[in-house]
Structures are given as C-alpha cells and as structure tokens.
Amino acid sequence: MIVVARTFVDKVESSAKVHSVGTFDLEDPKVYAQVKADYDLVRETLLTKGFGALTGTMGKLVQPRTKGAGHGSISRAFYARTQFVSHILGLKACDL
C-alpha cells in the first residue's frame, strides 16, 4: 500500500501539498485479516442498515468517521486507528 502525507493548508483544502510518500505491506496475516474484517463490517452495515448506521466505534484498525467540522456531518472518511498508524510507521506491532 502507498501512504501519502499532505501538508495542512486550510480547512477548505484549497490545495494539497504532498509532504511525503511511503509504502507498507499487510504481510502479517493477523493484521490483514483484521483490516479485511473492518472493511467487511462497514460493507455489510452499508448493505443491511444504510449509510446512517456507520459509526466511529466500528473497526479495530480502520474506522469510518464523520468528515468535516461540527456535529451532524453527513460525509464519512476512513481513518486508521492509533495502533494501526504505529504499525504502518514501524513504531509498534499491532496488538490484536
């Protein structure tokens, strides 16, 4: 996988300056299985309950969260949880 880090410019994202690019693999079968399980949970929720049922409490490594400022946002983005970011950066193994 490729990871791209952007420099924050402003809240409206008037530009996207790339800070750095790196790669990582999901070679650990347990980590891969958990990322897949997180994806499958979100997919199943969308299919059976709809978009409004997505919450930030879902997923152990990857979570769907609201995107944008304030409560009541209707857009979603996927975020890597802290332990997964640590794994991606090679700082710590994932505790599964």
N, C-alpha and C. Protein backbone atom coordinates (compact mmCIF):
# COMPACT_ATOMS: atom_id res chain seq x y z
N MET A 1 0.84 -1.16 0.00
CA MET A 1 0.00 0.00 0.00
C MET A 1 0.89 1.23 0.00
N ILE A 2 0.35 2.30 -0.53
CA ILE A 2 1.07 3.56 -0.57
C ILE A 2 0.41 4.52 0.41
N VAL A 3 1.23 5.20 1.19
CA VAL A 3 0.74 6.18 2.15
C VAL A 3 1.23 7.55 1.69
N VAL A 4 0.31 8.50 1.59
CA VAL A 4 0.66 9.85 1.19
C VAL A 4 0.33 10.79 2.34
N ALA A 5 1.30 11.60 2.74
CA ALA A 5 1.08 12.59 3.79
C ALA A 5 1.01 13.97 3.14
N ARG A 6 -0.07 14.68 3.45
CA ARG A 6 -0.24 16.02 2.90
C ARG A 6 -0.01 17.07 3.98
N THR A 7 0.48 18.22 3.57
CA THR A 7 0.65 19.34 4.48
C THR A 7 -0.67 20.09 4.58
N PHE A 8 -1.10 20.36 5.81
CA PHE A 8 -2.35 21.11 6.01
C PHE A 8 -2.17 22.52 5.47
N VAL A 9 -3.09 22.95 4.63
CA VAL A 9 -3.06 24.30 4.07
C VAL A 9 -4.16 25.15 4.68
N ASP A 10 -5.40 24.68 4.58
CA ASP A 10 -6.53 25.37 5.18
C ASP A 10 -7.71 24.42 5.24
N LYS A 11 -8.76 24.85 5.94
CA LYS A 11 -9.92 23.99 6.16
C LYS A 11 -10.67 23.63 4.89
N VAL A 12 -10.63 24.48 3.89
CA VAL A 12 -11.36 24.19 2.65
C VAL A 12 -10.50 23.41 1.65
N GLU A 13 -9.29 23.05 2.08
CA GLU A 13 -8.38 22.27 1.24
C GLU A 13 -8.22 22.90 -0.14
N SER A 14 -7.85 24.18 -0.14
CA SER A 14 -7.68 24.90 -1.40
C SER A 14 -6.51 24.37 -2.22
N SER A 15 -5.60 23.66 -1.58
CA SER A 15 -4.53 22.98 -2.29
C SER A 15 -4.12 21.76 -1.48
N ALA A 16 -3.38 20.88 -2.11
CA ALA A 16 -2.94 19.66 -1.44
C ALA A 16 -1.45 19.46 -1.71
N LYS A 17 -0.63 19.96 -0.82
CA LYS A 17 0.82 19.84 -0.96
C LYS A 17 1.27 18.52 -0.35
N VAL A 18 1.90 17.68 -1.17
CA VAL A 18 2.36 16.38 -0.69
C VAL A 18 3.62 16.59 0.14
N HIS A 19 3.58 16.07 1.35
CA HIS A 19 4.70 16.17 2.27
C HIS A 19 5.67 15.01 2.09
N SER A 20 5.11 13.80 2.02
CA SER A 20 5.95 12.61 1.85
C SER A 20 5.10 11.45 1.35
N VAL A 21 5.78 10.46 0.80
CA VAL A 21 5.13 9.25 0.30
C VAL A 21 5.91 8.06 0.82
N GLY A 22 5.21 7.05 1.27
CA GLY A 22 5.85 5.85 1.76
C GLY A 22 5.02 4.63 1.41
N THR A 23 5.56 3.47 1.66
CA THR A 23 4.83 2.24 1.39
C THR A 23 4.84 1.35 2.63
N PHE A 24 3.87 0.47 2.69
CA PHE A 24 3.85 -0.57 3.72
C PHE A 24 3.07 -1.74 3.19
N ASP A 25 3.32 -2.91 3.73
CA ASP A 25 2.62 -4.11 3.33
C ASP A 25 1.81 -4.65 4.50
N LEU A 26 0.76 -5.34 4.15
CA LEU A 26 -0.03 -6.03 5.16
C LEU A 26 0.40 -7.49 5.18
N GLU A 27 1.70 -7.70 5.38
CA GLU A 27 2.23 -9.05 5.32
C GLU A 27 1.87 -9.91 6.53
N ASP A 28 1.58 -9.27 7.64
CA ASP A 28 1.18 -10.02 8.83
C ASP A 28 -0.25 -10.52 8.61
N PRO A 29 -0.46 -11.84 8.58
CA PRO A 29 -1.79 -12.38 8.31
C PRO A 29 -2.86 -11.91 9.29
N LYS A 30 -2.50 -11.69 10.56
CA LYS A 30 -3.47 -11.22 11.55
C LYS A 30 -3.90 -9.79 11.26
N VAL A 31 -2.94 -8.94 10.89
CA VAL A 31 -3.26 -7.54 10.58
C VAL A 31 -4.11 -7.49 9.32
N TYR A 32 -3.72 -8.25 8.30
CA TYR A 32 -4.50 -8.29 7.06
C TYR A 32 -5.94 -8.74 7.33
N ALA A 33 -6.07 -9.80 8.13
CA ALA A 33 -7.40 -10.33 8.44
C ALA A 33 -8.25 -9.29 9.18
N GLN A 34 -7.63 -8.51 10.07
CA GLN A 34 -8.39 -7.51 10.82
C GLN A 34 -8.80 -6.35 9.92
N VAL A 35 -7.92 -5.90 9.04
CA VAL A 35 -8.28 -4.83 8.10
C VAL A 35 -9.43 -5.31 7.21
N LYS A 36 -9.36 -6.55 6.76
CA LYS A 36 -10.44 -7.11 5.93
C LYS A 36 -11.74 -7.20 6.74
N ALA A 37 -11.65 -7.62 7.99
CA ALA A 37 -12.84 -7.72 8.84
C ALA A 37 -13.46 -6.33 9.06
N ASP A 38 -12.62 -5.31 9.25
CA ASP A 38 -13.13 -3.94 9.41
C ASP A 38 -13.84 -3.50 8.13
N TYR A 39 -13.24 -3.79 6.98
CA TYR A 39 -13.86 -3.45 5.69
C TYR A 39 -15.19 -4.19 5.53
N ASP A 40 -15.18 -5.49 5.81
CA ASP A 40 -16.40 -6.29 5.66
C ASP A 40 -17.51 -5.80 6.58
N LEU A 41 -17.17 -5.38 7.80
CA LEU A 41 -18.17 -4.85 8.73
C LEU A 41 -18.82 -3.59 8.16
N VAL A 42 -18.02 -2.68 7.65
CA VAL A 42 -18.56 -1.45 7.06
C VAL A 42 -19.41 -1.78 5.84
N ARG A 43 -18.93 -2.66 4.99
CA ARG A 43 -19.67 -3.04 3.78
C ARG A 43 -21.02 -3.66 4.14
N GLU A 44 -21.01 -4.59 5.08
CA GLU A 44 -22.24 -5.26 5.50
C GLU A 44 -23.22 -4.26 6.13
N THR A 45 -22.69 -3.35 6.93
CA THR A 45 -23.54 -2.33 7.55
C THR A 45 -24.19 -1.45 6.49
N LEU A 46 -23.44 -1.05 5.50
CA LEU A 46 -23.99 -0.24 4.41
C LEU A 46 -25.09 -0.99 3.67
N LEU A 47 -24.85 -2.26 3.40
CA LEU A 47 -25.82 -3.06 2.65
C LEU A 47 -27.09 -3.36 3.43
N THR A 48 -26.96 -3.59 4.73
CA THR A 48 -28.12 -4.03 5.51
C THR A 48 -28.81 -2.92 6.30
N LYS A 49 -28.04 -1.91 6.74
CA LYS A 49 -28.61 -0.88 7.61
C LYS A 49 -28.56 0.52 7.01
N GLY A 50 -27.70 0.70 6.01
CA GLY A 50 -27.61 2.01 5.37
C GLY A 50 -26.48 2.88 5.92
N PHE A 51 -26.24 3.96 5.19
CA PHE A 51 -25.14 4.89 5.46
C PHE A 51 -25.21 5.48 6.87
N GLY A 52 -26.40 5.79 7.32
CA GLY A 52 -26.57 6.41 8.62
C GLY A 52 -26.17 5.54 9.80
N ALA A 53 -26.00 4.25 9.57
CA ALA A 53 -25.64 3.33 10.65
C ALA A 53 -24.13 3.26 10.89
N LEU A 54 -23.34 3.90 10.03
CA LEU A 54 -21.89 3.89 10.23
C LEU A 54 -21.53 4.75 11.44
N THR A 55 -20.64 4.24 12.29
CA THR A 55 -20.21 4.99 13.47
C THR A 55 -18.71 4.87 13.65
N GLY A 56 -18.14 5.79 14.41
CA GLY A 56 -16.72 5.77 14.70
C GLY A 56 -16.30 4.67 15.65
N THR A 57 -17.26 3.97 16.24
CA THR A 57 -16.92 2.87 17.14
C THR A 57 -16.64 1.58 16.37
N MET A 58 -16.93 1.58 15.10
CA MET A 58 -16.73 0.38 14.28
C MET A 58 -15.25 0.22 13.94
N GLY A 59 -14.83 -1.01 13.75
CA GLY A 59 -13.48 -1.31 13.29
C GLY A 59 -12.43 -1.26 14.38
N LYS A 60 -11.55 -2.25 14.36
CA LYS A 60 -10.44 -2.29 15.32
C LYS A 60 -9.23 -1.50 14.81
N LEU A 61 -8.97 -1.57 13.51
CA LEU A 61 -7.82 -0.87 12.95
C LEU A 61 -8.22 0.27 12.03
N VAL A 62 -9.31 0.09 11.30
CA VAL A 62 -9.80 1.13 10.39
C VAL A 62 -11.24 1.44 10.77
N GLN A 63 -11.55 2.73 10.91
CA GLN A 63 -12.88 3.12 11.33
C GLN A 63 -13.49 4.14 10.38
N PRO A 64 -14.81 4.04 10.15
CA PRO A 64 -15.49 5.10 9.41
C PRO A 64 -15.87 6.21 10.39
N ARG A 65 -15.52 7.44 10.06
CA ARG A 65 -15.87 8.57 10.93
C ARG A 65 -16.42 9.70 10.08
N THR A 66 -17.08 10.61 10.75
CA THR A 66 -17.57 11.77 10.03
C THR A 66 -16.38 12.58 9.53
N LYS A 67 -16.58 13.22 8.42
CA LYS A 67 -15.54 14.05 7.82
C LYS A 67 -16.05 15.48 7.83
N GLY A 68 -15.27 16.38 8.30
CA GLY A 68 -15.68 17.77 8.33
C GLY A 68 -15.94 18.25 9.74
N ALA A 69 -16.09 19.55 9.84
CA ALA A 69 -16.26 20.18 11.15
C ALA A 69 -17.69 20.06 11.66
N GLY A 70 -17.81 20.00 12.97
CA GLY A 70 -19.12 20.07 13.60
C GLY A 70 -19.88 18.77 13.62
N HIS A 71 -20.90 18.76 14.46
CA HIS A 71 -21.79 17.61 14.56
C HIS A 71 -22.80 17.66 13.43
N GLY A 72 -23.32 16.54 13.07
CA GLY A 72 -24.33 16.50 12.02
C GLY A 72 -23.75 16.37 10.61
N SER A 73 -22.43 16.18 10.52
CA SER A 73 -21.82 16.00 9.21
C SER A 73 -22.35 14.72 8.58
N ILE A 74 -22.62 14.76 7.30
CA ILE A 74 -23.16 13.57 6.63
C ILE A 74 -22.14 12.88 5.74
N SER A 75 -20.92 13.41 5.67
CA SER A 75 -19.89 12.75 4.88
C SER A 75 -19.04 11.87 5.79
N ARG A 76 -18.45 10.84 5.23
CA ARG A 76 -17.62 9.91 6.00
C ARG A 76 -16.27 9.73 5.33
N ALA A 77 -15.29 9.41 6.14
CA ALA A 77 -13.94 9.08 5.67
C ALA A 77 -13.46 7.90 6.50
N PHE A 78 -12.46 7.22 6.00
CA PHE A 78 -11.88 6.10 6.74
C PHE A 78 -10.60 6.58 7.41
N TYR A 79 -10.47 6.24 8.67
CA TYR A 79 -9.31 6.64 9.45
C TYR A 79 -8.63 5.41 10.02
N ALA A 80 -7.30 5.45 10.04
CA ALA A 80 -6.53 4.40 10.69
C ALA A 80 -6.46 4.73 12.17
N ARG A 81 -6.79 3.77 13.01
CA ARG A 81 -6.69 3.98 14.45
C ARG A 81 -5.22 4.08 14.85
N THR A 82 -4.98 4.63 16.03
CA THR A 82 -3.63 4.92 16.50
C THR A 82 -2.71 3.70 16.43
N GLN A 83 -3.20 2.55 16.89
CA GLN A 83 -2.34 1.36 16.89
C GLN A 83 -1.98 0.94 15.47
N PHE A 84 -2.87 1.16 14.50
CA PHE A 84 -2.59 0.82 13.11
C PHE A 84 -1.59 1.80 12.51
N VAL A 85 -1.70 3.08 12.84
CA VAL A 85 -0.73 4.07 12.37
C VAL A 85 0.65 3.71 12.91
N SER A 86 0.73 3.34 14.17
CA SER A 86 2.02 2.92 14.76
C SER A 86 2.60 1.75 14.00
N HIS A 87 1.76 0.80 13.63
CA HIS A 87 2.20 -0.37 12.85
C HIS A 87 2.69 0.06 11.47
N ILE A 88 1.92 0.92 10.80
CA ILE A 88 2.29 1.38 9.46
C ILE A 88 3.64 2.10 9.49
N LEU A 89 3.87 2.90 10.53
CA LEU A 89 5.13 3.64 10.63
C LEU A 89 6.28 2.80 11.18
N GLY A 90 5.98 1.55 11.54
CA GLY A 90 7.03 0.66 12.04
C GLY A 90 7.43 0.97 13.47
N LEU A 91 6.57 1.66 14.22
CA LEU A 91 6.89 2.03 15.60
C LEU A 91 6.53 0.95 16.59
N LYS A 92 5.48 0.19 16.27
CA LYS A 92 4.97 -0.81 17.21
C LYS A 92 4.15 -1.83 16.45
N ALA A 93 4.20 -3.06 16.88
CA ALA A 93 3.36 -4.10 16.29
C ALA A 93 1.91 -3.89 16.72
N CYS A 94 1.00 -4.30 15.89
CA CYS A 94 -0.42 -4.19 16.23
C CYS A 94 -0.77 -5.17 17.34
N ASP A 95 -1.46 -4.69 18.34
CA ASP A 95 -1.96 -5.55 19.42
C ASP A 95 -3.36 -5.98 19.05
N LEU A 96 -3.48 -7.21 18.57
CA LEU A 96 -4.80 -7.71 18.16
C LEU A 96 -5.32 -8.73 19.14
